[in-house]
Amino acid sequence: MEAHDLPRKLKTLANKSQKSWLHATLTVKSSGSAAPVSSPLGEATPRPGLPASGMMVINPPHTLKAMLQEALPQMVLALGQDRHASMSLETS
């Protein structure tokens, strides 16, 4: 829950400080997916891994948005593991 509240809180702080912000996310799979990983004994055990990540930048460089608009879709194609792979990019 805290991870979902953090971007909202940072956006509020940046807006109060009259600073621009950028919030980028990359989702590579459904949060319910668990890829099997081999243990040292050769047994496959399901491990969910990290399905998504995000980055919040306060007062980002003016070139960052354009660079991410180009790179994030390519990352979805290269790293996506299921139909839930996606990206988002929000700015103020």
PDB file of N, CA and C in Angstrom:
ATOM      1  N   MET A   1       0.819  -1.193   0.000  1.00  0.00           N
ATOM      2  CA  MET A   1       0.000   0.000   0.000  1.00  0.00           C
ATOM      3  C   MET A   1       0.867   1.263   0.000  1.00  0.00           C
ATOM      4  N   GLU A   2       1.957   1.222   0.755  1.00  0.00           N
ATOM      5  CA  GLU A   2       2.834   2.389   0.832  1.00  0.00           C
ATOM      6  C   GLU A   2       3.441   2.722  -0.525  1.00  0.00           C
ATOM      7  N   ALA A   3       3.787   1.690  -1.296  1.00  0.00           N
ATOM      8  CA  ALA A   3       4.392   1.917  -2.612  1.00  0.00           C
ATOM      9  C   ALA A   3       3.424   2.627  -3.548  1.00  0.00           C
ATOM     10  N   HIS A   4       2.132   2.386  -3.398  1.00  0.00           N
ATOM     11  CA  HIS A   4       1.136   3.045  -4.243  1.00  0.00           C
ATOM     12  C   HIS A   4       0.854   4.466  -3.775  1.00  0.00           C
ATOM     13  N   ASP A   5       1.004   4.720  -2.486  1.00  0.00           N
ATOM     14  CA  ASP A   5       0.762   6.063  -1.949  1.00  0.00           C
ATOM     15  C   ASP A   5       1.937   7.009  -2.196  1.00  0.00           C
ATOM     16  N   LEU A   6       3.140   6.477  -2.283  1.00  0.00           N
ATOM     17  CA  LEU A   6       4.320   7.322  -2.408  1.00  0.00           C
ATOM     18  C   LEU A   6       4.279   8.246  -3.628  1.00  0.00           C
ATOM     19  N   PRO A   7       3.992   7.764  -4.842  1.00  0.00           N
ATOM     20  CA  PRO A   7       3.949   8.696  -5.979  1.00  0.00           C
ATOM     21  C   PRO A   7       2.925   9.823  -5.790  1.00  0.00           C
ATOM     22  N   ARG A   8       1.776   9.495  -5.226  1.00  0.00           N
ATOM     23  CA  ARG A   8       0.754  10.528  -4.984  1.00  0.00           C
ATOM     24  C   ARG A   8       1.279  11.582  -4.014  1.00  0.00           C
ATOM     25  N   LYS A   9       1.924  11.150  -2.960  1.00  0.00           N
ATOM     26  CA  LYS A   9       2.475  12.093  -1.975  1.00  0.00           C
ATOM     27  C   LYS A   9       3.578  12.953  -2.598  1.00  0.00           C
ATOM     28  N   LEU A  10       4.430  12.339  -3.415  1.00  0.00           N
ATOM     29  CA  LEU A  10       5.509  13.094  -4.055  1.00  0.00           C
ATOM     30  C   LEU A  10       4.952  14.116  -5.051  1.00  0.00           C
ATOM     31  N   LYS A  11       3.912  13.731  -5.785  1.00  0.00           N
ATOM     32  CA  LYS A  11       3.279  14.675  -6.708  1.00  0.00           C
ATOM     33  C   LYS A  11       2.717  15.872  -5.950  1.00  0.00           C
ATOM     34  N   THR A  12       2.071  15.605  -4.816  1.00  0.00           N
ATOM     35  CA  THR A  12       1.503  16.681  -3.999  1.00  0.00           C
ATOM     36  C   THR A  12       2.602  17.616  -3.507  1.00  0.00           C
ATOM     37  N   LEU A  13       3.694  17.058  -3.011  1.00  0.00           N
ATOM     38  CA  LEU A  13       4.811  17.875  -2.528  1.00  0.00           C
ATOM     39  C   LEU A  13       5.423  18.711  -3.653  1.00  0.00           C
ATOM     40  N   ALA A  14       5.615  18.102  -4.808  1.00  0.00           N
ATOM     41  CA  ALA A  14       6.191  18.828  -5.943  1.00  0.00           C
ATOM     42  C   ALA A  14       5.267  19.961  -6.384  1.00  0.00           C
ATOM     43  N   ASN A  15       3.969  19.678  -6.448  1.00  0.00           N
ATOM     44  CA  ASN A  15       3.018  20.720  -6.851  1.00  0.00           C
ATOM     45  C   ASN A  15       2.998  21.870  -5.855  1.00  0.00           C
ATOM     46  N   LYS A  16       3.053  21.552  -4.558  1.00  0.00           N
ATOM     47  CA  LYS A  16       3.088  22.604  -3.531  1.00  0.00           C
ATOM     48  C   LYS A  16       4.351  23.446  -3.649  1.00  0.00           C
ATOM     49  N   SER A  17       5.450  22.814  -4.063  1.00  0.00           N
ATOM     50  CA  SER A  17       6.729  23.511  -4.225  1.00  0.00           C
ATOM     51  C   SER A  17       6.864  24.140  -5.604  1.00  0.00           C
ATOM     52  N   GLN A  18       5.832  24.000  -6.413  1.00  0.00           N
ATOM     53  CA  GLN A  18       5.812  24.511  -7.778  1.00  0.00           C
ATOM     54  C   GLN A  18       6.966  23.963  -8.616  1.00  0.00           C
ATOM     55  N   LYS A  19       7.236  22.677  -8.431  1.00  0.00           N
ATOM     56  CA  LYS A  19       8.266  21.982  -9.203  1.00  0.00           C
ATOM     57  C   LYS A  19       7.578  21.019 -10.160  1.00  0.00           C
ATOM     58  N   SER A  20       8.161  20.840 -11.323  1.00  0.00           N
ATOM     59  CA  SER A  20       7.625  19.846 -12.248  1.00  0.00           C
ATOM     60  C   SER A  20       8.002  18.455 -11.745  1.00  0.00           C
ATOM     61  N   TRP A  21       7.297  17.445 -12.244  1.00  0.00           N
ATOM     62  CA  TRP A  21       7.583  16.070 -11.852  1.00  0.00           C
ATOM     63  C   TRP A  21       7.310  15.140 -13.026  1.00  0.00           C
ATOM     64  N   LEU A  22       7.892  13.957 -12.943  1.00  0.00           N
ATOM     65  CA  LEU A  22       7.706  12.925 -13.947  1.00  0.00           C
ATOM     66  C   LEU A  22       7.574  11.598 -13.214  1.00  0.00           C
ATOM     67  N   HIS A  23       6.563  10.819 -13.586  1.00  0.00           N
ATOM     68  CA  HIS A  23       6.345   9.507 -12.966  1.00  0.00           C
ATOM     69  C   HIS A  23       6.259   8.479 -14.085  1.00  0.00           C
ATOM     70  N   ALA A  24       7.237   7.568 -14.132  1.00  0.00           N
ATOM     71  CA  ALA A  24       7.282   6.522 -15.148  1.00  0.00           C
ATOM     72  C   ALA A  24       7.130   5.164 -14.474  1.00  0.00           C
ATOM     73  N   THR A  25       6.348   4.277 -15.099  1.00  0.00           N
ATOM     74  CA  THR A  25       6.210   2.915 -14.585  1.00  0.00           C
ATOM     75  C   THR A  25       6.402   1.923 -15.723  1.00  0.00           C
ATOM     76  N   LEU A  26       6.910   0.753 -15.372  1.00  0.00           N
ATOM     77  CA  LEU A  26       7.083  -0.347 -16.314  1.00  0.00           C
ATOM     78  C   LEU A  26       6.563  -1.608 -15.649  1.00  0.00           C
ATOM     79  N   THR A  27       5.570  -2.229 -16.263  1.00  0.00           N
ATOM     80  CA  THR A  27       5.014  -3.488 -15.774  1.00  0.00           C
ATOM     81  C   THR A  27       5.389  -4.567 -16.780  1.00  0.00           C
ATOM     82  N   VAL A  28       5.993  -5.659 -16.308  1.00  0.00           N
ATOM     83  CA  VAL A  28       6.428  -6.715 -17.217  1.00  0.00           C
ATOM     84  C   VAL A  28       5.538  -7.948 -17.177  1.00  0.00           C
ATOM     85  N   LYS A  29       4.725  -8.077 -16.129  1.00  0.00           N
ATOM     86  CA  LYS A  29       3.834  -9.235 -16.037  1.00  0.00           C
ATOM     87  C   LYS A  29       2.758  -8.977 -14.996  1.00  0.00           C
ATOM     88  N   SER A  30       1.769  -9.832 -14.980  1.00  0.00           N
ATOM     89  CA  SER A  30       0.721  -9.773 -13.981  1.00  0.00           C
ATOM     90  C   SER A  30       1.328 -10.013 -12.603  1.00  0.00           C
ATOM     91  N   SER A  31       0.796  -9.361 -11.595  1.00  0.00           N
ATOM     92  CA  SER A  31       1.322  -9.559 -10.240  1.00  0.00           C
ATOM     93  C   SER A  31       1.032 -10.957  -9.719  1.00  0.00           C
ATOM     94  N   GLY A  32       0.131 -11.700 -10.362  1.00  0.00           N
ATOM     95  CA  GLY A  32      -0.184 -13.061  -9.939  1.00  0.00           C
ATOM     96  C   GLY A  32       0.698 -14.111 -10.591  1.00  0.00           C
ATOM     97  N   SER A  33       1.522 -13.712 -11.566  1.00  0.00           N
ATOM     98  CA  SER A  33       2.393 -14.670 -12.255  1.00  0.00           C
ATOM     99  C   SER A  33       3.560 -15.061 -11.374  1.00  0.00           C
ATOM    100  N   ALA A  34       3.898 -16.333 -11.404  1.00  0.00           N
ATOM    101  CA  ALA A  34       5.052 -16.815 -10.646  1.00  0.00           C
ATOM    102  C   ALA A  34       5.851 -17.755 -11.532  1.00  0.00           C
ATOM    103  N   ALA A  35       7.029 -17.332 -11.918  1.00  0.00           N
ATOM    104  CA  ALA A  35       7.880 -18.161 -12.764  1.00  0.00           C
ATOM    105  C   ALA A  35       8.622 -19.177 -11.901  1.00  0.00           C
ATOM    106  N   PRO A  36       8.673 -20.439 -12.332  1.00  0.00           N
ATOM    107  CA  PRO A  36       9.408 -21.424 -11.543  1.00  0.00           C
ATOM    108  C   PRO A  36      10.906 -21.179 -11.616  1.00  0.00           C
ATOM    109  N   VAL A  37      11.558 -21.327 -10.485  1.00  0.00           N
ATOM    110  CA  VAL A  37      13.000 -21.159 -10.384  1.00  0.00           C
ATOM    111  C   VAL A  37      13.571 -22.433  -9.796  1.00  0.00           C
ATOM    112  N   SER A  38      14.658 -22.925 -10.389  1.00  0.00           N
ATOM    113  CA  SER A  38      15.264 -24.157  -9.886  1.00  0.00           C
ATOM    114  C   SER A  38      16.052 -23.883  -8.616  1.00  0.00           C
ATOM    115  N   SER A  39      15.856 -24.737  -7.623  1.00  0.00           N
ATOM    116  CA  SER A  39      16.601 -24.642  -6.377  1.00  0.00           C
ATOM    117  C   SER A  39      17.903 -25.420  -6.542  1.00  0.00           C
ATOM    118  N   PRO A  40      18.838 -25.300  -5.595  1.00  0.00           N
ATOM    119  CA  PRO A  40      20.086 -26.054  -5.685  1.00  0.00           C
ATOM    120  C   PRO A  40      19.859 -27.572  -5.757  1.00  0.00           C
ATOM    121  N   LEU A  41      18.729 -28.038  -5.264  1.00  0.00           N
ATOM    122  CA  LEU A  41      18.434 -29.469  -5.293  1.00  0.00           C
ATOM    123  C   LEU A  41      17.730 -29.879  -6.585  1.00  0.00           C
ATOM    124  N   GLY A  42      17.560 -28.943  -7.517  1.00  0.00           N
ATOM    125  CA  GLY A  42      16.931 -29.248  -8.782  1.00  0.00           C
ATOM    126  C   GLY A  42      15.419 -29.167  -8.772  1.00  0.00           C
ATOM    127  N   GLU A  43      14.828 -28.754  -7.660  1.00  0.00           N
ATOM    128  CA  GLU A  43      13.375 -28.636  -7.571  1.00  0.00           C
ATOM    129  C   GLU A  43      12.946 -27.264  -8.095  1.00  0.00           C
ATOM    130  N   ALA A  44      11.862 -27.247  -8.838  1.00  0.00           N
ATOM    131  CA  ALA A  44      11.323 -25.978  -9.334  1.00  0.00           C
ATOM    132  C   ALA A  44      10.358 -25.409  -8.308  1.00  0.00           C
ATOM    133  N   THR A  45      10.656 -24.224  -7.830  1.00  0.00           N
ATOM    134  CA  THR A  45       9.782 -23.562  -6.864  1.00  0.00           C
ATOM    135  C   THR A  45       9.288 -22.251  -7.468  1.00  0.00           C
ATOM    136  N   PRO A  46       7.999 -21.947  -7.340  1.00  0.00           N
ATOM    137  CA  PRO A  46       7.484 -20.700  -7.904  1.00  0.00           C
ATOM    138  C   PRO A  46       7.973 -19.487  -7.115  1.00  0.00           C
ATOM    139  N   ARG A  47       8.456 -18.488  -7.843  1.00  0.00           N
ATOM    140  CA  ARG A  47       8.855 -17.223  -7.233  1.00  0.00           C
ATOM    141  C   ARG A  47       8.242 -16.113  -8.055  1.00  0.00           C
ATOM    142  N   PRO A  48       7.493 -15.229  -7.414  1.00  0.00           N
ATOM    143  CA  PRO A  48       6.774 -14.212  -8.170  1.00  0.00           C
ATOM    144  C   PRO A  48       7.656 -13.166  -8.832  1.00  0.00           C
ATOM    145  N   GLY A  49       8.791 -12.836  -8.272  1.00  0.00           N
ATOM    146  CA  GLY A  49       9.627 -11.800  -8.854  1.00  0.00           C
ATOM    147  C   GLY A  49       8.980 -10.433  -8.749  1.00  0.00           C
ATOM    148  N   LEU A  50       9.561  -9.474  -9.382  1.00  0.00           N
ATOM    149  CA  LEU A  50       9.072  -8.097  -9.362  1.00  0.00           C
ATOM    150  C   LEU A  50       8.279  -7.838 -10.640  1.00  0.00           C
ATOM    151  N   PRO A  51       6.949  -7.704 -10.555  1.00  0.00           N
ATOM    152  CA  PRO A  51       6.147  -7.543 -11.764  1.00  0.00           C
ATOM    153  C   PRO A  51       6.194  -6.132 -12.361  1.00  0.00           C
ATOM    154  N   ALA A  52       6.543  -5.141 -11.544  1.00  0.00           N
ATOM    155  CA  ALA A  52       6.532  -3.762 -12.035  1.00  0.00           C
ATOM    156  C   ALA A  52       7.493  -2.911 -11.218  1.00  0.00           C
ATOM    157  N   SER A  53       7.871  -1.794 -11.791  1.00  0.00           N
ATOM    158  CA  SER A  53       8.704  -0.839 -11.062  1.00  0.00           C
ATOM    159  C   SER A  53       8.331   0.563 -11.532  1.00  0.00           C
ATOM    160  N   GLY A  54       8.709   1.533 -10.749  1.00  0.00           N
ATOM    161  CA  GLY A  54       8.385   2.905 -11.081  1.00  0.00           C
ATOM    162  C   GLY A  54       9.507   3.850 -10.694  1.00  0.00           C
ATOM    163  N   MET A  55       9.447   5.037 -11.273  1.00  0.00           N
ATOM    164  CA  MET A  55      10.459   6.050 -10.989  1.00  0.00           C
ATOM    165  C   MET A  55       9.753   7.397 -10.938  1.00  0.00           C
ATOM    166  N   MET A  56       9.996   8.128  -9.889  1.00  0.00           N
ATOM    167  CA  MET A  56       9.429   9.471  -9.724  1.00  0.00           C
ATOM    168  C   MET A  56      10.595  10.452  -9.693  1.00  0.00           C
ATOM    169  N   VAL A  57      10.561  11.443 -10.561  1.00  0.00           N
ATOM    170  CA  VAL A  57      11.635  12.442 -10.627  1.00  0.00           C
ATOM    171  C   VAL A  57      11.018  13.813 -10.421  1.00  0.00           C
ATOM    172  N   ILE A  58      11.513  14.507  -9.423  1.00  0.00           N
ATOM    173  CA  ILE A  58      11.089  15.886  -9.158  1.00  0.00           C
ATOM    174  C   ILE A  58      12.053  16.806  -9.897  1.00  0.00           C
ATOM    175  N   ASN A  59      11.503  17.770 -10.639  1.00  0.00           N
ATOM    176  CA  ASN A  59      12.285  18.714 -11.427  1.00  0.00           C
ATOM    177  C   ASN A  59      13.175  17.964 -12.435  1.00  0.00           C
ATOM    178  N   PRO A  60      12.557  17.150 -13.309  1.00  0.00           N
ATOM    179  CA  PRO A  60      13.342  16.351 -14.248  1.00  0.00           C
ATOM    180  C   PRO A  60      13.988  17.205 -15.339  1.00  0.00           C
ATOM    181  N   PRO A  61      15.074  16.708 -15.924  1.00  0.00           N
ATOM    182  CA  PRO A  61      15.662  17.411 -17.072  1.00  0.00           C
ATOM    183  C   PRO A  61      14.631  17.486 -18.201  1.00  0.00           C
ATOM    184  N   HIS A  62      14.671  18.532 -18.985  1.00  0.00           N
ATOM    185  CA  HIS A  62      13.645  18.725 -20.019  1.00  0.00           C
ATOM    186  C   HIS A  62      13.676  17.650 -21.103  1.00  0.00           C
ATOM    187  N   THR A  63      14.772  16.926 -21.238  1.00  0.00           N
ATOM    188  CA  THR A  63      14.897  15.885 -22.268  1.00  0.00           C
ATOM    189  C   THR A  63      14.413  14.512 -21.800  1.00  0.00           C
ATOM    190  N   LEU A  64      14.184  14.336 -20.515  1.00  0.00           N
ATOM    191  CA  LEU A  64      13.867  13.015 -19.977  1.00  0.00           C
ATOM    192  C   LEU A  64      12.539  12.465 -20.491  1.00  0.00           C
ATOM    193  N   LYS A  65      11.519  13.288 -20.570  1.00  0.00           N
ATOM    194  CA  LYS A  65      10.208  12.813 -21.017  1.00  0.00           C
ATOM    195  C   LYS A  65      10.287  12.223 -22.430  1.00  0.00           C
ATOM    196  N   ALA A  66      10.899  12.928 -23.338  1.00  0.00           N
ATOM    197  CA  ALA A  66      11.015  12.447 -24.718  1.00  0.00           C
ATOM    198  C   ALA A  66      11.815  11.147 -24.795  1.00  0.00           C
ATOM    199  N   MET A  67      12.865  11.066 -24.011  1.00  0.00           N
ATOM    200  CA  MET A  67      13.684   9.850 -24.009  1.00  0.00           C
ATOM    201  C   MET A  67      12.885   8.650 -23.486  1.00  0.00           C
ATOM    202  N   LEU A  68      12.111   8.860 -22.424  1.00  0.00           N
ATOM    203  CA  LEU A  68      11.311   7.772 -21.865  1.00  0.00           C
ATOM    204  C   LEU A  68      10.152   7.397 -22.786  1.00  0.00           C
ATOM    205  N   GLN A  69       9.567   8.373 -23.485  1.00  0.00           N
ATOM    206  CA  GLN A  69       8.487   8.079 -24.427  1.00  0.00           C
ATOM    207  C   GLN A  69       8.974   7.146 -25.531  1.00  0.00           C
ATOM    208  N   GLU A  70      10.224   7.253 -25.874  1.00  0.00           N
ATOM    209  CA  GLU A  70      10.813   6.379 -26.898  1.00  0.00           C
ATOM    210  C   GLU A  70      11.255   5.040 -26.310  1.00  0.00           C
ATOM    211  N   ALA A  71      11.852   5.073 -25.132  1.00  0.00           N
ATOM    212  CA  ALA A  71      12.447   3.863 -24.557  1.00  0.00           C
ATOM    213  C   ALA A  71      11.454   2.919 -23.888  1.00  0.00           C
ATOM    214  N   LEU A  72      10.471   3.448 -23.180  1.00  0.00           N
ATOM    215  CA  LEU A  72       9.558   2.581 -22.421  1.00  0.00           C
ATOM    216  C   LEU A  72       8.781   1.589 -23.292  1.00  0.00           C
ATOM    217  N   PRO A  73       8.216   1.993 -24.435  1.00  0.00           N
ATOM    218  CA  PRO A  73       7.533   0.993 -25.270  1.00  0.00           C
ATOM    219  C   PRO A  73       8.471  -0.123 -25.740  1.00  0.00           C
ATOM    220  N   GLN A  74       9.718   0.217 -26.019  1.00  0.00           N
ATOM    221  CA  GLN A  74      10.689  -0.793 -26.425  1.00  0.00           C
ATOM    222  C   GLN A  74      10.990  -1.746 -25.272  1.00  0.00           C
ATOM    223  N   MET A  75      11.026  -1.215 -24.055  1.00  0.00           N
ATOM    224  CA  MET A  75      11.269  -2.052 -22.882  1.00  0.00           C
ATOM    225  C   MET A  75      10.103  -3.004 -22.637  1.00  0.00           C
ATOM    226  N   VAL A  76       8.868  -2.536 -22.893  1.00  0.00           N
ATOM    227  CA  VAL A  76       7.699  -3.406 -22.756  1.00  0.00           C
ATOM    228  C   VAL A  76       7.816  -4.581 -23.725  1.00  0.00           C
ATOM    229  N   LEU A  77       8.198  -4.290 -24.966  1.00  0.00           N
ATOM    230  CA  LEU A  77       8.349  -5.354 -25.962  1.00  0.00           C
ATOM    231  C   LEU A  77       9.471  -6.326 -25.599  1.00  0.00           C
ATOM    232  N   ALA A  78      10.586  -5.799 -25.118  1.00  0.00           N
ATOM    233  CA  ALA A  78      11.747  -6.636 -24.819  1.00  0.00           C
ATOM    234  C   ALA A  78      11.603  -7.421 -23.521  1.00  0.00           C
ATOM    235  N   LEU A  79      10.969  -6.827 -22.514  1.00  0.00           N
ATOM    236  CA  LEU A  79      10.927  -7.441 -21.187  1.00  0.00           C
ATOM    237  C   LEU A  79       9.573  -8.012 -20.800  1.00  0.00           C
ATOM    238  N   GLY A  80       8.525  -7.682 -21.557  1.00  0.00           N
ATOM    239  CA  GLY A  80       7.184  -8.142 -21.223  1.00  0.00           C
ATOM    240  C   GLY A  80       7.093  -9.656 -21.182  1.00  0.00           C
ATOM    241  N   GLN A  81       6.433 -10.176 -20.140  1.00  0.00           N
ATOM    242  CA  GLN A  81       6.325 -11.619 -19.953  1.00  0.00           C
ATOM    243  C   GLN A  81       4.917 -12.147 -20.173  1.00  0.00           C
ATOM    244  N   ASP A  82       3.921 -11.273 -20.214  1.00  0.00           N
ATOM    245  CA  ASP A  82       2.548 -11.703 -20.488  1.00  0.00           C
ATOM    246  C   ASP A  82       1.756 -10.522 -21.041  1.00  0.00           C
ATOM    247  N   ARG A  83       0.467 -10.718 -21.242  1.00  0.00           N
ATOM    248  CA  ARG A  83      -0.365  -9.678 -21.863  1.00  0.00           C
ATOM    249  C   ARG A  83      -0.567  -8.465 -20.959  1.00  0.00           C
ATOM    250  N   HIS A  84      -0.117  -8.532 -19.721  1.00  0.00           N
ATOM    251  CA  HIS A  84      -0.270  -7.416 -18.784  1.00  0.00           C
ATOM    252  C   HIS A  84       0.923  -6.443 -18.850  1.00  0.00           C
ATOM    253  N   ALA A  85       1.902  -6.739 -19.683  1.00  0.00           N
ATOM    254  CA  ALA A  85       3.058  -5.856 -19.817  1.00  0.00           C
ATOM    255  C   ALA A  85       2.601  -4.493 -20.343  1.00  0.00           C
ATOM    256  N   SER A  86       3.059  -3.437 -19.689  1.00  0.00           N
ATOM    257  CA  SER A  86       2.643  -2.091 -20.078  1.00  0.00           C
ATOM    258  C   SER A  86       3.604  -1.052 -19.503  1.00  0.00           C
ATOM    259  N   MET A  87       3.341   0.188 -19.842  1.00  0.00           N
ATOM    260  CA  MET A  87       4.127   1.296 -19.304  1.00  0.00           C
ATOM    261  C   MET A  87       3.207   2.494 -19.134  1.00  0.00           C
ATOM    262  N   SER A  88       3.625   3.415 -18.302  1.00  0.00           N
ATOM    263  CA  SER A  88       2.892   4.679 -18.183  1.00  0.00           C
ATOM    264  C   SER A  88       3.902   5.794 -17.962  1.00  0.00           C
ATOM    265  N   LEU A  89       3.535   6.972 -18.363  1.00  0.00           N
ATOM    266  CA  LEU A  89       4.400   8.142 -18.210  1.00  0.00           C
ATOM    267  C   LEU A  89       3.508   9.340 -17.937  1.00  0.00           C
ATOM    268  N   GLU A  90       3.613   9.892 -16.742  1.00  0.00           N
ATOM    269  CA  GLU A  90       2.832  11.066 -16.341  1.00  0.00           C
ATOM    270  C   GLU A  90       3.789  12.210 -16.042  1.00  0.00           C
ATOM    271  N   THR A  91       3.396  13.406 -16.387  1.00  0.00           N
ATOM    272  CA  THR A  91       4.217  14.587 -16.081  1.00  0.00           C
ATOM    273  C   THR A  91       3.312  15.743 -15.693  1.00  0.00           C
ATOM    274  N   SER A  92       3.918  16.704 -15.019  1.00  0.00           N
ATOM    275  CA  SER A  92       3.168  17.924 -14.707  1.00  0.00           C
ATOM    276  C   SER A  92       3.646  19.045 -15.589  1.00  0.00           C
TER     277      SER A  92
END
